[in-house]
Amino acid sequence: MDSQDSEIVWDSFERTAPYISNLSEMKRLLNDLILEVSSVADILGKLSERMNTVDVTMKTDIRILLNDLERSLRKGRHIQ
């Protein structure tokens, strides 16, 4: 993933951090995904998939981040 896409993800993480319960787990997950995928769109897909394998609290945390990333898409921030 290029630095611009990575910045988009971390900006979203920073905006949502006050609402996330499992902050360190979410940060670790994002670090892993950023290394694994090539775009923010791929992160959206991977996070959606991950919701099927985590507990309820982490599922909520992922949904909070997903909503923010999707809102960024709708507001015209370019996500490749």
PDB file of N, CA and C in Angstrom:
ATOM      1  N   MET A   1       0.857  -1.169   0.000  1.00  0.00           N
ATOM      2  CA  MET A   1       0.000   0.000   0.000  1.00  0.00           C
ATOM      3  C   MET A   1       0.902   1.230   0.000  1.00  0.00           C
ATOM      4  N   ASP A   2       0.550   2.200  -0.829  1.00  0.00           N
ATOM      5  CA  ASP A   2       1.388   3.400  -0.882  1.00  0.00           C
ATOM      6  C   ASP A   2       1.129   4.300   0.323  1.00  0.00           C
ATOM      7  N   SER A   3       2.004   5.264   0.497  1.00  0.00           N
ATOM      8  CA  SER A   3       1.945   6.105   1.701  1.00  0.00           C
ATOM      9  C   SER A   3       0.682   6.960   1.756  1.00  0.00           C
ATOM     10  N   GLN A   4       0.160   7.367   0.607  1.00  0.00           N
ATOM     11  CA  GLN A   4      -1.063   8.174   0.595  1.00  0.00           C
ATOM     12  C   GLN A   4      -2.250   7.355   1.117  1.00  0.00           C
ATOM     13  N   ASP A   5      -2.379   6.124   0.644  1.00  0.00           N
ATOM     14  CA  ASP A   5      -3.462   5.258   1.118  1.00  0.00           C
ATOM     15  C   ASP A   5      -3.296   4.941   2.599  1.00  0.00           C
ATOM     16  N   SER A   6      -2.062   4.677   2.993  1.00  0.00           N
ATOM     17  CA  SER A   6      -1.781   4.404   4.394  1.00  0.00           C
ATOM     18  C   SER A   6      -2.172   5.593   5.268  1.00  0.00           C
ATOM     19  N   GLU A   7      -1.894   6.781   4.784  1.00  0.00           N
ATOM     20  CA  GLU A   7      -2.250   8.001   5.521  1.00  0.00           C
ATOM     21  C   GLU A   7      -3.764   8.126   5.676  1.00  0.00           C
ATOM     22  N   ILE A   8      -4.501   7.765   4.645  1.00  0.00           N
ATOM     23  CA  ILE A   8      -5.969   7.815   4.702  1.00  0.00           C
ATOM     24  C   ILE A   8      -6.477   6.889   5.803  1.00  0.00           C
ATOM     25  N   VAL A   9      -5.912   5.686   5.859  1.00  0.00           N
ATOM     26  CA  VAL A   9      -6.331   4.711   6.869  1.00  0.00           C
ATOM     27  C   VAL A   9      -6.005   5.219   8.268  1.00  0.00           C
ATOM     28  N   TRP A  10      -4.791   5.720   8.462  1.00  0.00           N
ATOM     29  CA  TRP A  10      -4.400   6.185   9.799  1.00  0.00           C
ATOM     30  C   TRP A  10      -5.148   7.446  10.202  1.00  0.00           C
ATOM     31  N   ASP A  11      -5.475   8.309   9.246  1.00  0.00           N
ATOM     32  CA  ASP A  11      -6.303   9.478   9.565  1.00  0.00           C
ATOM     33  C   ASP A  11      -7.667   9.033  10.088  1.00  0.00           C
ATOM     34  N   SER A  12      -8.231   8.041   9.433  1.00  0.00           N
ATOM     35  CA  SER A  12      -9.522   7.510   9.860  1.00  0.00           C
ATOM     36  C   SER A  12      -9.402   6.872  11.244  1.00  0.00           C
ATOM     37  N   PHE A  13      -8.331   6.149  11.462  1.00  0.00           N
ATOM     38  CA  PHE A  13      -8.093   5.544  12.773  1.00  0.00           C
ATOM     39  C   PHE A  13      -8.022   6.622  13.855  1.00  0.00           C
ATOM     40  N   GLU A  14      -7.306   7.689  13.579  1.00  0.00           N
ATOM     41  CA  GLU A  14      -7.181   8.776  14.563  1.00  0.00           C
ATOM     42  C   GLU A  14      -8.526   9.426  14.858  1.00  0.00           C
ATOM     43  N   ARG A  15      -9.356   9.605  13.827  1.00  0.00           N
ATOM     44  CA  ARG A  15     -10.675  10.202  14.041  1.00  0.00           C
ATOM     45  C   ARG A  15     -11.577   9.308  14.879  1.00  0.00           C
ATOM     46  N   THR A  16     -11.431   7.996  14.705  1.00  0.00           N
ATOM     47  CA  THR A  16     -12.335   7.066  15.391  1.00  0.00           C
ATOM     48  C   THR A  16     -11.771   6.530  16.699  1.00  0.00           C
ATOM     49  N   ALA A  17     -10.511   6.745  16.973  1.00  0.00           N
ATOM     50  CA  ALA A  17      -9.862   6.186  18.172  1.00  0.00           C
ATOM     51  C   ALA A  17     -10.632   6.450  19.467  1.00  0.00           C
ATOM     52  N   PRO A  18     -11.205   7.632  19.664  1.00  0.00           N
ATOM     53  CA  PRO A  18     -11.937   7.859  20.927  1.00  0.00           C
ATOM     54  C   PRO A  18     -13.146   6.942  21.111  1.00  0.00           C
ATOM     55  N   TYR A  19     -13.603   6.321  20.027  1.00  0.00           N
ATOM     56  CA  TYR A  19     -14.807   5.488  20.082  1.00  0.00           C
ATOM     57  C   TYR A  19     -14.497   3.989  20.032  1.00  0.00           C
ATOM     58  N   ILE A  20     -13.222   3.646  19.902  1.00  0.00           N
ATOM     59  CA  ILE A  20     -12.812   2.252  19.762  1.00  0.00           C
ATOM     60  C   ILE A  20     -12.417   1.688  21.126  1.00  0.00           C
ATOM     61  N   SER A  21     -12.965   0.528  21.455  1.00  0.00           N
ATOM     62  CA  SER A  21     -12.688  -0.109  22.743  1.00  0.00           C
ATOM     63  C   SER A  21     -11.362  -0.867  22.739  1.00  0.00           C
ATOM     64  N   ASN A  22     -11.089  -1.569  21.668  1.00  0.00           N
ATOM     65  CA  ASN A  22      -9.879  -2.390  21.560  1.00  0.00           C
ATOM     66  C   ASN A  22      -8.828  -1.661  20.724  1.00  0.00           C
ATOM     67  N   LEU A  23      -8.359  -0.559  21.240  1.00  0.00           N
ATOM     68  CA  LEU A  23      -7.472   0.319  20.475  1.00  0.00           C
ATOM     69  C   LEU A  23      -6.189  -0.385  20.031  1.00  0.00           C
ATOM     70  N   SER A  24      -5.525  -1.068  20.926  1.00  0.00           N
ATOM     71  CA  SER A  24      -4.265  -1.714  20.546  1.00  0.00           C
ATOM     72  C   SER A  24      -4.493  -2.870  19.577  1.00  0.00           C
ATOM     73  N   GLU A  25      -5.565  -3.602  19.756  1.00  0.00           N
ATOM     74  CA  GLU A  25      -5.883  -4.694  18.828  1.00  0.00           C
ATOM     75  C   GLU A  25      -6.222  -4.140  17.442  1.00  0.00           C
ATOM     76  N   MET A  26      -6.961  -3.046  17.398  1.00  0.00           N
ATOM     77  CA  MET A  26      -7.310  -2.437  16.114  1.00  0.00           C
ATOM     78  C   MET A  26      -6.053  -1.904  15.421  1.00  0.00           C
ATOM     79  N   LYS A  27      -5.176  -1.291  16.177  1.00  0.00           N
ATOM     80  CA  LYS A  27      -3.935  -0.764  15.607  1.00  0.00           C
ATOM     81  C   LYS A  27      -3.097  -1.903  15.029  1.00  0.00           C
ATOM     82  N   ARG A  28      -3.009  -3.000  15.746  1.00  0.00           N
ATOM     83  CA  ARG A  28      -2.265  -4.171  15.282  1.00  0.00           C
ATOM     84  C   ARG A  28      -2.897  -4.734  14.003  1.00  0.00           C
ATOM     85  N   LEU A  29      -4.216  -4.812  13.974  1.00  0.00           N
ATOM     86  CA  LEU A  29      -4.925  -5.303  12.796  1.00  0.00           C
ATOM     87  C   LEU A  29      -4.649  -4.414  11.590  1.00  0.00           C
ATOM     88  N   LEU A  30      -4.733  -3.106  11.776  1.00  0.00           N
ATOM     89  CA  LEU A  30      -4.476  -2.188  10.667  1.00  0.00           C
ATOM     90  C   LEU A  30      -3.041  -2.282  10.172  1.00  0.00           C
ATOM     91  N   ASN A  31      -2.095  -2.394  11.093  1.00  0.00           N
ATOM     92  CA  ASN A  31      -0.693  -2.567  10.681  1.00  0.00           C
ATOM     93  C   ASN A  31      -0.542  -3.798   9.801  1.00  0.00           C
ATOM     94  N   ASP A  32      -1.139  -4.904  10.207  1.00  0.00           N
ATOM     95  CA  ASP A  32      -1.062  -6.146   9.431  1.00  0.00           C
ATOM     96  C   ASP A  32      -1.718  -5.985   8.059  1.00  0.00           C
ATOM     97  N   LEU A  33      -2.901  -5.377   8.031  1.00  0.00           N
ATOM     98  CA  LEU A  33      -3.622  -5.219   6.768  1.00  0.00           C
ATOM     99  C   LEU A  33      -2.901  -4.284   5.807  1.00  0.00           C
ATOM    100  N   ILE A  34      -2.321  -3.228   6.327  1.00  0.00           N
ATOM    101  CA  ILE A  34      -1.600  -2.283   5.467  1.00  0.00           C
ATOM    102  C   ILE A  34      -0.434  -2.977   4.776  1.00  0.00           C
ATOM    103  N   LEU A  35       0.203  -3.911   5.462  1.00  0.00           N
ATOM    104  CA  LEU A  35       1.299  -4.665   4.859  1.00  0.00           C
ATOM    105  C   LEU A  35       0.792  -5.703   3.853  1.00  0.00           C
ATOM    106  N   GLU A  36      -0.418  -6.159   4.054  1.00  0.00           N
ATOM    107  CA  GLU A  36      -0.982  -7.256   3.268  1.00  0.00           C
ATOM    108  C   GLU A  36      -1.672  -6.806   1.973  1.00  0.00           C
ATOM    109  N   VAL A  37      -2.297  -5.646   1.979  1.00  0.00           N
ATOM    110  CA  VAL A  37      -3.135  -5.237   0.848  1.00  0.00           C
ATOM    111  C   VAL A  37      -2.498  -4.092   0.071  1.00  0.00           C
ATOM    112  N   SER A  38      -3.115  -3.770  -1.089  1.00  0.00           N
ATOM    113  CA  SER A  38      -2.530  -2.739  -1.941  1.00  0.00           C
ATOM    114  C   SER A  38      -3.328  -1.445  -2.002  1.00  0.00           C
ATOM    115  N   SER A  39      -4.524  -1.416  -1.396  1.00  0.00           N
ATOM    116  CA  SER A  39      -5.327  -0.187  -1.475  1.00  0.00           C
ATOM    117  C   SER A  39      -6.274  -0.077  -0.278  1.00  0.00           C
ATOM    118  N   VAL A  40      -6.829   1.096  -0.117  1.00  0.00           N
ATOM    119  CA  VAL A  40      -7.811   1.315   0.946  1.00  0.00           C
ATOM    120  C   VAL A  40      -9.069   0.489   0.667  1.00  0.00           C
ATOM    121  N   ALA A  41      -9.430   0.363  -0.598  1.00  0.00           N
ATOM    122  CA  ALA A  41     -10.593  -0.462  -0.947  1.00  0.00           C
ATOM    123  C   ALA A  41     -10.385  -1.898  -0.476  1.00  0.00           C
ATOM    124  N   ASP A  42      -9.160  -2.404  -0.614  1.00  0.00           N
ATOM    125  CA  ASP A  42      -8.857  -3.753  -0.131  1.00  0.00           C
ATOM    126  C   ASP A  42      -8.992  -3.831   1.390  1.00  0.00           C
ATOM    127  N   ILE A  43      -8.587  -2.780   2.071  1.00  0.00           N
ATOM    128  CA  ILE A  43      -8.725  -2.747   3.542  1.00  0.00           C
ATOM    129  C   ILE A  43     -10.201  -2.818   3.917  1.00  0.00           C
ATOM    130  N   LEU A  44     -11.042  -2.087   3.204  1.00  0.00           N
ATOM    131  CA  LEU A  44     -12.477  -2.137   3.481  1.00  0.00           C
ATOM    132  C   LEU A  44     -12.985  -3.573   3.381  1.00  0.00           C
ATOM    133  N   GLY A  45     -12.586  -4.261   2.320  1.00  0.00           N
ATOM    134  CA  GLY A  45     -13.008  -5.646   2.132  1.00  0.00           C
ATOM    135  C   GLY A  45     -12.491  -6.565   3.217  1.00  0.00           C
ATOM    136  N   LYS A  46     -11.222  -6.436   3.563  1.00  0.00           N
ATOM    137  CA  LYS A  46     -10.623  -7.286   4.590  1.00  0.00           C
ATOM    138  C   LYS A  46     -11.245  -7.037   5.958  1.00  0.00           C
ATOM    139  N   LEU A  47     -11.516  -5.773   6.269  1.00  0.00           N
ATOM    140  CA  LEU A  47     -12.162  -5.467   7.548  1.00  0.00           C
ATOM    141  C   LEU A  47     -13.567  -6.058   7.602  1.00  0.00           C
ATOM    142  N   SER A  48     -14.296  -5.971   6.494  1.00  0.00           N
ATOM    143  CA  SER A  48     -15.640  -6.563   6.448  1.00  0.00           C
ATOM    144  C   SER A  48     -15.570  -8.067   6.661  1.00  0.00           C
ATOM    145  N   GLU A  49     -14.605  -8.721   6.027  1.00  0.00           N
ATOM    146  CA  GLU A  49     -14.430 -10.162   6.210  1.00  0.00           C
ATOM    147  C   GLU A  49     -14.087 -10.487   7.663  1.00  0.00           C
ATOM    148  N   ARG A  50     -13.229  -9.683   8.250  1.00  0.00           N
ATOM    149  CA  ARG A  50     -12.758  -9.931   9.616  1.00  0.00           C
ATOM    150  C   ARG A  50     -13.898  -9.854  10.618  1.00  0.00           C
ATOM    151  N   MET A  51     -14.939  -9.092  10.299  1.00  0.00           N
ATOM    152  CA  MET A  51     -16.073  -8.954  11.224  1.00  0.00           C
ATOM    153  C   MET A  51     -16.728 -10.300  11.516  1.00  0.00           C
ATOM    154  N   ASN A  52     -16.558 -11.266  10.611  1.00  0.00           N
ATOM    155  CA  ASN A  52     -17.166 -12.588  10.798  1.00  0.00           C
ATOM    156  C   ASN A  52     -16.409 -13.469  11.772  1.00  0.00           C
ATOM    157  N   THR A  53     -15.199 -13.056  12.165  1.00  0.00           N
ATOM    158  CA  THR A  53     -14.358 -13.933  12.976  1.00  0.00           C
ATOM    159  C   THR A  53     -13.974 -13.349  14.336  1.00  0.00           C
ATOM    160  N   VAL A  54     -14.545 -12.217  14.686  1.00  0.00           N
ATOM    161  CA  VAL A  54     -14.146 -11.547  15.928  1.00  0.00           C
ATOM    162  C   VAL A  54     -15.327 -11.447  16.892  1.00  0.00           C
ATOM    163  N   ASP A  55     -15.015 -11.075  18.129  1.00  0.00           N
ATOM    164  CA  ASP A  55     -16.073 -10.930  19.132  1.00  0.00           C
ATOM    165  C   ASP A  55     -16.894  -9.665  18.877  1.00  0.00           C
ATOM    166  N   VAL A  56     -17.964  -9.536  19.604  1.00  0.00           N
ATOM    167  CA  VAL A  56     -18.922  -8.451  19.391  1.00  0.00           C
ATOM    168  C   VAL A  56     -18.280  -7.070  19.563  1.00  0.00           C
ATOM    169  N   THR A  57     -17.440  -6.915  20.560  1.00  0.00           N
ATOM    170  CA  THR A  57     -16.816  -5.610  20.801  1.00  0.00           C
ATOM    171  C   THR A  57     -15.900  -5.221  19.644  1.00  0.00           C
ATOM    172  N   MET A  58     -15.089  -6.164  19.194  1.00  0.00           N
ATOM    173  CA  MET A  58     -14.185  -5.874  18.071  1.00  0.00           C
ATOM    174  C   MET A  58     -14.987  -5.646  16.790  1.00  0.00           C
ATOM    175  N   LYS A  59     -16.079  -6.362  16.638  1.00  0.00           N
ATOM    176  CA  LYS A  59     -16.948  -6.177  15.477  1.00  0.00           C
ATOM    177  C   LYS A  59     -17.477  -4.737  15.451  1.00  0.00           C
ATOM    178  N   THR A  60     -17.861  -4.232  16.613  1.00  0.00           N
ATOM    179  CA  THR A  60     -18.329  -2.846  16.707  1.00  0.00           C
ATOM    180  C   THR A  60     -17.206  -1.874  16.370  1.00  0.00           C
ATOM    181  N   ASP A  61     -16.021  -2.141  16.894  1.00  0.00           N
ATOM    182  CA  ASP A  61     -14.871  -1.280  16.595  1.00  0.00           C
ATOM    183  C   ASP A  61     -14.576  -1.243  15.098  1.00  0.00           C
ATOM    184  N   ILE A  62     -14.613  -2.405  14.459  1.00  0.00           N
ATOM    185  CA  ILE A  62     -14.372  -2.462  13.008  1.00  0.00           C
ATOM    186  C   ILE A  62     -15.454  -1.681  12.269  1.00  0.00           C
ATOM    187  N   ARG A  63     -16.696  -1.825  12.696  1.00  0.00           N
ATOM    188  CA  ARG A  63     -17.805  -1.115  12.037  1.00  0.00           C
ATOM    189  C   ARG A  63     -17.617   0.396  12.158  1.00  0.00           C
ATOM    190  N   ILE A  64     -17.163   0.868  13.296  1.00  0.00           N
ATOM    191  CA  ILE A  64     -16.910   2.302  13.497  1.00  0.00           C
ATOM    192  C   ILE A  64     -15.862   2.787  12.496  1.00  0.00           C
ATOM    193  N   LEU A  65     -14.774   2.041  12.371  1.00  0.00           N
ATOM    194  CA  LEU A  65     -13.719   2.422  11.427  1.00  0.00           C
ATOM    195  C   LEU A  65     -14.205   2.324   9.989  1.00  0.00           C
ATOM    196  N   LEU A  66     -14.911   1.258   9.656  1.00  0.00           N
ATOM    197  CA  LEU A  66     -15.450   1.105   8.302  1.00  0.00           C
ATOM    198  C   LEU A  66     -16.362   2.270   7.929  1.00  0.00           C
ATOM    199  N   ASN A  67     -17.224   2.651   8.846  1.00  0.00           N
ATOM    200  CA  ASN A  67     -18.131   3.774   8.575  1.00  0.00           C
ATOM    201  C   ASN A  67     -17.355   5.041   8.261  1.00  0.00           C
ATOM    202  N   ASP A  68     -16.290   5.300   9.010  1.00  0.00           N
ATOM    203  CA  ASP A  68     -15.493   6.492   8.763  1.00  0.00           C
ATOM    204  C   ASP A  68     -14.785   6.413   7.411  1.00  0.00           C
ATOM    205  N   LEU A  69     -14.214   5.262   7.086  1.00  0.00           N
ATOM    206  CA  LEU A  69     -13.546   5.108   5.791  1.00  0.00           C
ATOM    207  C   LEU A  69     -14.546   5.249   4.636  1.00  0.00           C
ATOM    208  N   GLU A  70     -15.716   4.657   4.794  1.00  0.00           N
ATOM    209  CA  GLU A  70     -16.744   4.775   3.752  1.00  0.00           C
ATOM    210  C   GLU A  70     -17.234   6.212   3.609  1.00  0.00           C
ATOM    211  N   ARG A  71     -17.341   6.916   4.702  1.00  0.00           N
ATOM    212  CA  ARG A  71     -17.735   8.326   4.670  1.00  0.00           C
ATOM    213  C   ARG A  71     -16.681   9.134   3.902  1.00  0.00           C
ATOM    214  N   SER A  72     -15.433   8.778   4.089  1.00  0.00           N
ATOM    215  CA  SER A  72     -14.355   9.437   3.347  1.00  0.00           C
ATOM    216  C   SER A  72     -14.535   9.237   1.844  1.00  0.00           C
ATOM    217  N   LEU A  73     -14.945   8.055   1.458  1.00  0.00           N
ATOM    218  CA  LEU A  73     -15.218   7.785   0.033  1.00  0.00           C
ATOM    219  C   LEU A  73     -16.332   8.680  -0.503  1.00  0.00           C
ATOM    220  N   ARG A  74     -17.407   8.760   0.273  1.00  0.00           N
ATOM    221  CA  ARG A  74     -18.550   9.562  -0.164  1.00  0.00           C
ATOM    222  C   ARG A  74     -18.225  11.053  -0.223  1.00  0.00           C
ATOM    223  N   LYS A  75     -17.332  11.507   0.628  1.00  0.00           N
ATOM    224  CA  LYS A  75     -16.974  12.926   0.647  1.00  0.00           C
ATOM    225  C   LYS A  75     -15.968  13.282  -0.443  1.00  0.00           C
ATOM    226  N   GLY A  76     -15.589  12.284  -1.221  1.00  0.00           N
ATOM    227  CA  GLY A  76     -14.723  12.553  -2.359  1.00  0.00           C
ATOM    228  C   GLY A  76     -13.251  12.423  -2.090  1.00  0.00           C
ATOM    229  N   ARG A  77     -12.888  11.936  -0.924  1.00  0.00           N
ATOM    230  CA  ARG A  77     -11.468  11.663  -0.722  1.00  0.00           C
ATOM    231  C   ARG A  77     -11.152  10.463  -1.606  1.00  0.00           C
ATOM    232  N   HIS A  78     -10.080  10.548  -2.313  1.00  0.00           N
ATOM    233  CA  HIS A  78      -9.756   9.511  -3.291  1.00  0.00           C
ATOM    234  C   HIS A  78      -9.149   8.296  -2.626  1.00  0.00           C
ATOM    235  N   ILE A  79      -9.840   7.192  -2.781  1.00  0.00           N
ATOM    236  CA  ILE A  79      -9.352   5.914  -2.284  1.00  0.00           C
ATOM    237  C   ILE A  79      -9.186   4.993  -3.478  1.00  0.00           C
ATOM    238  N   GLN A  80      -7.997   4.562  -3.708  1.00  0.00           N
ATOM    239  CA  GLN A  80      -7.675   3.727  -4.861  1.00  0.00           C
ATOM    240  C   GLN A  80      -8.030   2.290  -4.584  1.00  0.00           C
TER     241      GLN A  80
END
